[in-house]
């Protein structure tokens, strides 16, 4: 009876290790997951910081929204 329980326990450990190995195959290596750092800029009207890609450039100034672009620099 002990031999059967031991065999089941060993089988479970092997199965768990195999599943863990398969999960690691699906994940890309950590070195390929580089985060892209983007410059932060300040709105000329309200002063809120936002990523440069989301800012609106107008008249040499950066704004956070079309409303602040219309209001202009404070």
PDB file of N, CA and C in Angstrom:
ATOM      1  N   UNK A   1       0.818  -1.189   0.000  1.00  0.00           N
ATOM      2  CA  UNK A   1       0.000   0.000   0.000  1.00  0.00           C
ATOM      3  C   UNK A   1       0.869   1.263   0.000  1.00  0.00           C
ATOM      4  N   UNK A   2       1.952   1.246   0.766  1.00  0.00           N
ATOM      5  CA  UNK A   2       2.845   2.401   0.828  1.00  0.00           C
ATOM      6  C   UNK A   2       3.520   2.615  -0.519  1.00  0.00           C
ATOM      7  N   UNK A   3       3.838   1.540  -1.227  1.00  0.00           N
ATOM      8  CA  UNK A   3       4.473   1.659  -2.532  1.00  0.00           C
ATOM      9  C   UNK A   3       3.552   2.371  -3.522  1.00  0.00           C
ATOM     10  N   UNK A   4       2.266   2.076  -3.459  1.00  0.00           N
ATOM     11  CA  UNK A   4       1.301   2.704  -4.367  1.00  0.00           C
ATOM     12  C   UNK A   4       1.199   4.203  -4.064  1.00  0.00           C
ATOM     13  N   UNK A   5       1.107   4.574  -2.775  1.00  0.00           N
ATOM     14  CA  UNK A   5       1.035   5.984  -2.401  1.00  0.00           C
ATOM     15  C   UNK A   5       2.314   6.734  -2.795  1.00  0.00           C
ATOM     16  N   UNK A   6       3.445   6.099  -2.603  1.00  0.00           N
ATOM     17  CA  UNK A   6       4.715   6.711  -2.991  1.00  0.00           C
ATOM     18  C   UNK A   6       4.778   6.903  -4.495  1.00  0.00           C
ATOM     19  N   UNK A   7       4.317   5.922  -5.248  1.00  0.00           N
ATOM     20  CA  UNK A   7       4.303   6.027  -6.711  1.00  0.00           C
ATOM     21  C   UNK A   7       3.379   7.151  -7.173  1.00  0.00           C
ATOM     22  N   UNK A   8       2.219   7.294  -6.532  1.00  0.00           N
ATOM     23  CA  UNK A   8       1.288   8.377  -6.868  1.00  0.00           C
ATOM     24  C   UNK A   8       1.919   9.732  -6.541  1.00  0.00           C
ATOM     25  N   UNK A   9       2.580   9.846  -5.405  1.00  0.00           N
ATOM     26  CA  UNK A   9       3.227  11.098  -5.011  1.00  0.00           C
ATOM     27  C   UNK A   9       4.330  11.479  -5.999  1.00  0.00           C
ATOM     28  N   UNK A  10       5.155  10.521  -6.378  1.00  0.00           N
ATOM     29  CA  UNK A  10       6.230  10.791  -7.344  1.00  0.00           C
ATOM     30  C   UNK A  10       5.628  11.193  -8.693  1.00  0.00           C
ATOM     31  N   UNK A  11       4.584  10.519  -9.112  1.00  0.00           N
ATOM     32  CA  UNK A  11       3.911  10.862 -10.364  1.00  0.00           C
ATOM     33  C   UNK A  11       3.354  12.276 -10.336  1.00  0.00           C
ATOM     34  N   UNK A  12       2.768  12.678  -9.209  1.00  0.00           N
ATOM     35  CA  UNK A  12       2.232  14.027  -9.075  1.00  0.00           C
ATOM     36  C   UNK A  12       3.346  15.075  -9.155  1.00  0.00           C
ATOM     37  N   UNK A  13       4.468  14.824  -8.509  1.00  0.00           N
ATOM     38  CA  UNK A  13       5.598  15.762  -8.546  1.00  0.00           C
ATOM     39  C   UNK A  13       6.128  15.900  -9.969  1.00  0.00           C
ATOM     40  N   UNK A  14       6.267  14.790 -10.672  1.00  0.00           N
ATOM     41  CA  UNK A  14       6.746  14.833 -12.060  1.00  0.00           C
ATOM     42  C   UNK A  14       5.757  15.599 -12.927  1.00  0.00           C
ATOM     43  N   UNK A  15       4.474  15.354 -12.747  1.00  0.00           N
ATOM     44  CA  UNK A  15       3.431  16.059 -13.512  1.00  0.00           C
ATOM     45  C   UNK A  15       3.476  17.556 -13.229  1.00  0.00           C
ATOM     46  N   UNK A  16       3.620  17.976 -11.964  1.00  0.00           N
ATOM     47  CA  UNK A  16       3.676  19.390 -11.606  1.00  0.00           C
ATOM     48  C   UNK A  16       4.909  20.061 -12.204  1.00  0.00           C
ATOM     49  N   UNK A  17       6.044  19.396 -12.155  1.00  0.00           N
ATOM     50  CA  UNK A  17       7.262  19.958 -12.744  1.00  0.00           C
ATOM     51  C   UNK A  17       7.135  20.097 -14.261  1.00  0.00           C
ATOM     52  N   UNK A  18       6.520  19.146 -14.904  1.00  0.00           N
ATOM     53  CA  UNK A  18       6.328  19.203 -16.349  1.00  0.00           C
ATOM     54  C   UNK A  18       5.414  20.362 -16.741  1.00  0.00           C
ATOM     55  N   UNK A  19       4.327  20.562 -15.990  1.00  0.00           N
ATOM     56  CA  UNK A  19       3.420  21.686 -16.263  1.00  0.00           C
ATOM     57  C   UNK A  19       4.123  23.021 -16.060  1.00  0.00           C
ATOM     58  N   UNK A  20       4.926  23.111 -15.018  1.00  0.00           N
ATOM     59  CA  UNK A  20       5.675  24.338 -14.750  1.00  0.00           C
ATOM     60  C   UNK A  20       6.647  24.627 -15.897  1.00  0.00           C
ATOM     61  N   UNK A  21       7.300  23.611 -16.395  1.00  0.00           N
ATOM     62  CA  UNK A  21       8.224  23.770 -17.515  1.00  0.00           C
ATOM     63  C   UNK A  21       7.488  24.240 -18.765  1.00  0.00           C
ATOM     64  N   UNK A  22       6.317  23.682 -19.032  1.00  0.00           N
ATOM     65  CA  UNK A  22       5.549  24.089 -20.209  1.00  0.00           C
ATOM     66  C   UNK A  22       5.107  25.547 -20.109  1.00  0.00           C
ATOM     67  N   UNK A  23       4.770  26.019 -18.928  1.00  0.00           N
ATOM     68  CA  UNK A  23       4.385  27.421 -18.745  1.00  0.00           C
ATOM     69  C   UNK A  23       5.544  28.355 -19.052  1.00  0.00           C
ATOM     70  N   UNK A  24       6.755  27.964 -18.677  1.00  0.00           N
ATOM     71  CA  UNK A  24       7.906  28.827 -18.930  1.00  0.00           C
ATOM     72  C   UNK A  24       8.243  28.886 -20.411  1.00  0.00           C
ATOM     73  N   UNK A  25       7.875  27.882 -21.183  1.00  0.00           N
ATOM     74  CA  UNK A  25       8.143  27.907 -22.620  1.00  0.00           C
ATOM     75  C   UNK A  25       7.300  28.954 -23.323  1.00  0.00           C
ATOM     76  N   UNK A  26       6.093  29.239 -22.821  1.00  0.00           N
ATOM     77  CA  UNK A  26       5.187  30.187 -23.458  1.00  0.00           C
ATOM     78  C   UNK A  26       5.539  31.635 -23.159  1.00  0.00           C
ATOM     79  N   UNK A  27       6.309  31.898 -22.107  1.00  0.00           N
ATOM     80  CA  UNK A  27       6.651  33.272 -21.741  1.00  0.00           C
ATOM     81  C   UNK A  27       7.909  33.703 -22.486  1.00  0.00           C
ATOM     82  N   UNK A  28       7.895  34.939 -23.029  1.00  0.00           N
ATOM     83  CA  UNK A  28       9.127  35.429 -23.656  1.00  0.00           C
ATOM     84  C   UNK A  28      10.175  35.718 -22.592  1.00  0.00           C
ATOM     85  N   UNK A  29      11.437  35.667 -22.944  1.00  0.00           N
ATOM     86  CA  UNK A  29      12.481  35.956 -21.958  1.00  0.00           C
ATOM     87  C   UNK A  29      12.342  37.365 -21.396  1.00  0.00           C
ATOM     88  N   UNK A  30      12.793  37.550 -20.189  1.00  0.00           N
ATOM     89  CA  UNK A  30      12.659  38.835 -19.506  1.00  0.00           C
ATOM     90  C   UNK A  30      13.396  39.931 -20.255  1.00  0.00           C
ATOM     91  N   UNK A  31      14.523  39.624 -20.882  1.00  0.00           N
ATOM     92  CA  UNK A  31      15.313  40.644 -21.568  1.00  0.00           C
ATOM     93  C   UNK A  31      14.586  41.228 -22.775  1.00  0.00           C
ATOM     94  N   UNK A  32      13.637  40.504 -23.377  1.00  0.00           N
ATOM     95  CA  UNK A  32      12.908  41.039 -24.524  1.00  0.00           C
ATOM     96  C   UNK A  32      11.754  41.928 -24.103  1.00  0.00           C
ATOM     97  N   UNK A  33      11.417  41.928 -22.824  1.00  0.00           N
ATOM     98  CA  UNK A  33      10.318  42.763 -22.339  1.00  0.00           C
ATOM     99  C   UNK A  33      10.855  44.111 -21.857  1.00  0.00           C
ATOM    100  N   UNK A  34      11.476  44.852 -22.733  1.00  0.00           N
ATOM    101  CA  UNK A  34      12.009  46.145 -22.354  1.00  0.00           C
ATOM    102  C   UNK A  34      10.886  47.173 -22.382  1.00  0.00           C
ATOM    103  N   UNK A  35      10.807  47.950 -21.337  1.00  0.00           N
ATOM    104  CA  UNK A  35       9.787  48.982 -21.306  1.00  0.00           C
ATOM    105  C   UNK A  35      10.306  50.219 -22.027  1.00  0.00           C
ATOM    106  N   UNK A  36       9.422  50.848 -22.758  1.00  0.00           N
ATOM    107  CA  UNK A  36       9.776  52.041 -23.505  1.00  0.00           C
ATOM    108  C   UNK A  36       9.563  53.245 -22.594  1.00  0.00           C
ATOM    109  N   UNK A  37      10.612  54.031 -22.419  1.00  0.00           N
ATOM    110  CA  UNK A  37      10.528  55.215 -21.574  1.00  0.00           C
ATOM    111  C   UNK A  37      10.240  56.405 -22.475  1.00  0.00           C
ATOM    112  N   UNK A  38       9.235  57.186 -22.081  1.00  0.00           N
ATOM    113  CA  UNK A  38       8.826  58.315 -22.894  1.00  0.00           C
ATOM    114  C   UNK A  38       9.000  59.605 -22.096  1.00  0.00           C
ATOM    115  N   UNK A  39       9.388  60.666 -22.773  1.00  0.00           N
ATOM    116  CA  UNK A  39       9.563  61.963 -22.121  1.00  0.00           C
ATOM    117  C   UNK A  39       8.228  62.490 -21.634  1.00  0.00           C
ATOM    118  N   UNK A  40       8.264  63.106 -20.447  1.00  0.00           N
ATOM    119  CA  UNK A  40       7.091  63.759 -19.895  1.00  0.00           C
ATOM    120  C   UNK A  40       7.216  65.260 -20.143  1.00  0.00           C
ATOM    121  N   UNK A  41       6.111  65.884 -20.515  1.00  0.00           N
ATOM    122  CA  UNK A  41       6.097  67.323 -20.764  1.00  0.00           C
ATOM    123  C   UNK A  41       5.016  67.970 -19.912  1.00  0.00           C
ATOM    124  N   UNK A  42       5.103  69.282 -19.752  1.00  0.00           N
ATOM    125  CA  UNK A  42       4.159  70.016 -18.917  1.00  0.00           C
ATOM    126  C   UNK A  42       3.240  70.849 -19.801  1.00  0.00           C
ATOM    127  N   UNK A  43       1.957  70.824 -19.475  1.00  0.00           N
ATOM    128  CA  UNK A  43       0.982  71.631 -20.193  1.00  0.00           C
ATOM    129  C   UNK A  43       1.284  73.109 -19.914  1.00  0.00           C
ATOM    130  N   UNK A  44       1.298  73.929 -20.968  1.00  0.00           N
ATOM    131  CA  UNK A  44       1.606  75.353 -20.819  1.00  0.00           C
ATOM    132  C   UNK A  44       0.486  76.097 -20.109  1.00  0.00           C
ATOM    133  N   UNK A  45      -0.714  75.538 -20.065  1.00  0.00           N
ATOM    134  CA  UNK A  45      -1.839  76.222 -19.427  1.00  0.00           C
ATOM    135  C   UNK A  45      -2.021  75.821 -17.961  1.00  0.00           C
ATOM    136  N   UNK A  46      -2.134  74.526 -17.697  1.00  0.00           N
ATOM    137  CA  UNK A  46      -2.446  74.080 -16.331  1.00  0.00           C
ATOM    138  C   UNK A  46      -1.258  73.482 -15.589  1.00  0.00           C
ATOM    139  N   UNK A  47      -0.204  73.131 -16.300  1.00  0.00           N
ATOM    140  CA  UNK A  47       0.984  72.602 -15.656  1.00  0.00           C
ATOM    141  C   UNK A  47       0.967  71.108 -15.390  1.00  0.00           C
ATOM    142  N   UNK A  48      -0.043  70.404 -15.853  1.00  0.00           N
ATOM    143  CA  UNK A  48      -0.102  68.962 -15.634  1.00  0.00           C
ATOM    144  C   UNK A  48       0.953  68.265 -16.508  1.00  0.00           C
ATOM    145  N   UNK A  49       1.566  67.225 -15.980  1.00  0.00           N
ATOM    146  CA  UNK A  49       2.557  66.454 -16.733  1.00  0.00           C
ATOM    147  C   UNK A  49       1.870  65.332 -17.491  1.00  0.00           C
ATOM    148  N   UNK A  50       2.310  65.116 -18.738  1.00  0.00           N
ATOM    149  CA  UNK A  50       1.741  64.062 -19.560  1.00  0.00           C
ATOM    150  C   UNK A  50       2.802  63.578 -20.546  1.00  0.00           C
ATOM    151  N   UNK A  51       2.636  62.361 -21.093  1.00  0.00           N
ATOM    152  CA  UNK A  51       3.601  61.852 -22.072  1.00  0.00           C
ATOM    153  C   UNK A  51       3.612  62.729 -23.323  1.00  0.00           C
ATOM    154  N   UNK A  52       4.783  62.882 -23.914  1.00  0.00           N
ATOM    155  CA  UNK A  52       4.927  63.732 -25.098  1.00  0.00           C
ATOM    156  C   UNK A  52       4.009  63.267 -26.228  1.00  0.00           C
ATOM    157  N   UNK A  53       3.782  61.969 -26.360  1.00  0.00           N
ATOM    158  CA  UNK A  53       2.945  61.460 -27.446  1.00  0.00           C
ATOM    159  C   UNK A  53       1.481  61.863 -27.290  1.00  0.00           C
ATOM    160  N   UNK A  54       1.040  62.193 -26.084  1.00  0.00           N
ATOM    161  CA  UNK A  54      -0.348  62.588 -25.853  1.00  0.00           C
ATOM    162  C   UNK A  54      -0.528  64.101 -25.856  1.00  0.00           C
ATOM    163  N   UNK A  55       0.563  64.845 -25.874  1.00  0.00           N
ATOM    164  CA  UNK A  55       0.488  66.302 -25.816  1.00  0.00           C
ATOM    165  C   UNK A  55       0.128  66.876 -27.182  1.00  0.00           C
ATOM    166  N   UNK A  56      -0.480  68.069 -27.158  1.00  0.00           N
ATOM    167  CA  UNK A  56      -0.843  68.793 -28.374  1.00  0.00           C
ATOM    168  C   UNK A  56       0.142  69.942 -28.518  1.00  0.00           C
ATOM    169  N   UNK A  57       0.853  69.974 -29.638  1.00  0.00           N
ATOM    170  CA  UNK A  57       1.860  71.003 -29.885  1.00  0.00           C
ATOM    171  C   UNK A  57       1.224  72.116 -30.710  1.00  0.00           C
ATOM    172  N   UNK A  58       1.302  73.337 -30.191  1.00  0.00           N
ATOM    173  CA  UNK A  58       0.715  74.463 -30.898  1.00  0.00           C
ATOM    174  C   UNK A  58       1.468  75.735 -30.531  1.00  0.00           C
ATOM    175  N   UNK A  59       1.929  76.446 -31.527  1.00  0.00           N
ATOM    176  CA  UNK A  59       2.586  77.734 -31.309  1.00  0.00           C
ATOM    177  C   UNK A  59       3.827  77.643 -30.432  1.00  0.00           C
ATOM    178  N   UNK A  60       4.564  76.567 -30.533  1.00  0.00           N
ATOM    179  CA  UNK A  60       5.779  76.408 -29.741  1.00  0.00           C
ATOM    180  C   UNK A  60       5.532  75.959 -28.312  1.00  0.00           C
ATOM    181  N   UNK A  61       4.305  75.694 -27.944  1.00  0.00           N
ATOM    182  CA  UNK A  61       3.940  75.249 -26.598  1.00  0.00           C
ATOM    183  C   UNK A  61       3.254  73.885 -26.664  1.00  0.00           C
ATOM    184  N   UNK A  62       3.260  73.172 -25.536  1.00  0.00           N
ATOM    185  CA  UNK A  62       2.589  71.876 -25.433  1.00  0.00           C
ATOM    186  C   UNK A  62       1.394  71.996 -24.505  1.00  0.00           C
ATOM    187  N   UNK A  63       0.290  71.389 -24.903  1.00  0.00           N
ATOM    188  CA  UNK A  63      -0.950  71.452 -24.124  1.00  0.00           C
ATOM    189  C   UNK A  63      -1.497  70.054 -23.900  1.00  0.00           C
ATOM    190  N   UNK A  64      -2.291  69.910 -22.824  1.00  0.00           N
ATOM    191  CA  UNK A  64      -2.835  68.596 -22.476  1.00  0.00           C
ATOM    192  C   UNK A  64      -4.164  68.305 -23.154  1.00  0.00           C
ATOM    193  N   UNK A  65      -4.876  69.336 -23.621  1.00  0.00           N
ATOM    194  CA  UNK A  65      -6.177  69.112 -24.243  1.00  0.00           C
ATOM    195  C   UNK A  65      -6.460  70.221 -25.257  1.00  0.00           C
ATOM    196  N   UNK A  66      -7.409  69.981 -26.156  1.00  0.00           N
ATOM    197  CA  UNK A  66      -7.765  71.030 -27.130  1.00  0.00           C
ATOM    198  C   UNK A  66      -8.320  72.286 -26.446  1.00  0.00           C
ATOM    199  N   UNK A  67      -9.002  72.117 -25.319  1.00  0.00           N
ATOM    200  CA  UNK A  67      -9.548  73.278 -24.603  1.00  0.00           C
ATOM    201  C   UNK A  67      -8.422  74.183 -24.094  1.00  0.00           C
ATOM    202  N   UNK A  68      -7.376  73.556 -23.541  1.00  0.00           N
ATOM    203  CA  UNK A  68      -6.247  74.350 -23.055  1.00  0.00           C
ATOM    204  C   UNK A  68      -5.455  74.938 -24.208  1.00  0.00           C
ATOM    205  N   UNK A  69      -5.472  74.265 -25.338  1.00  0.00           N
ATOM    206  CA  UNK A  69      -4.810  74.814 -26.529  1.00  0.00           C
ATOM    207  C   UNK A  69      -5.513  76.097 -26.954  1.00  0.00           C
ATOM    208  N   UNK A  70      -6.861  76.094 -26.913  1.00  0.00           N
ATOM    209  CA  UNK A  70      -7.626  77.291 -27.283  1.00  0.00           C
ATOM    210  C   UNK A  70      -7.421  78.423 -26.287  1.00  0.00           C
ATOM    211  N   UNK A  71      -7.296  78.067 -24.984  1.00  0.00           N
ATOM    212  CA  UNK A  71      -7.112  79.094 -23.961  1.00  0.00           C
ATOM    213  C   UNK A  71      -5.711  79.691 -23.984  1.00  0.00           C
ATOM    214  N   UNK A  72      -4.762  78.944 -24.460  1.00  0.00           N
ATOM    215  CA  UNK A  72      -3.409  79.443 -24.583  1.00  0.00           C
ATOM    216  C   UNK A  72      -2.616  79.352 -23.291  1.00  0.00           C
ATOM    217  N   UNK A  73      -1.417  79.945 -23.343  1.00  0.00           N
ATOM    218  CA  UNK A  73      -0.507  79.888 -22.197  1.00  0.00           C
ATOM    219  C   UNK A  73      -1.021  80.761 -21.064  1.00  0.00           C
ATOM    220  N   UNK A  74      -0.893  80.289 -19.849  1.00  0.00           N
ATOM    221  CA  UNK A  74      -1.381  81.012 -18.681  1.00  0.00           C
ATOM    222  C   UNK A  74      -0.379  82.022 -18.218  1.00  0.00           C
TER     223      UNK A  74
END
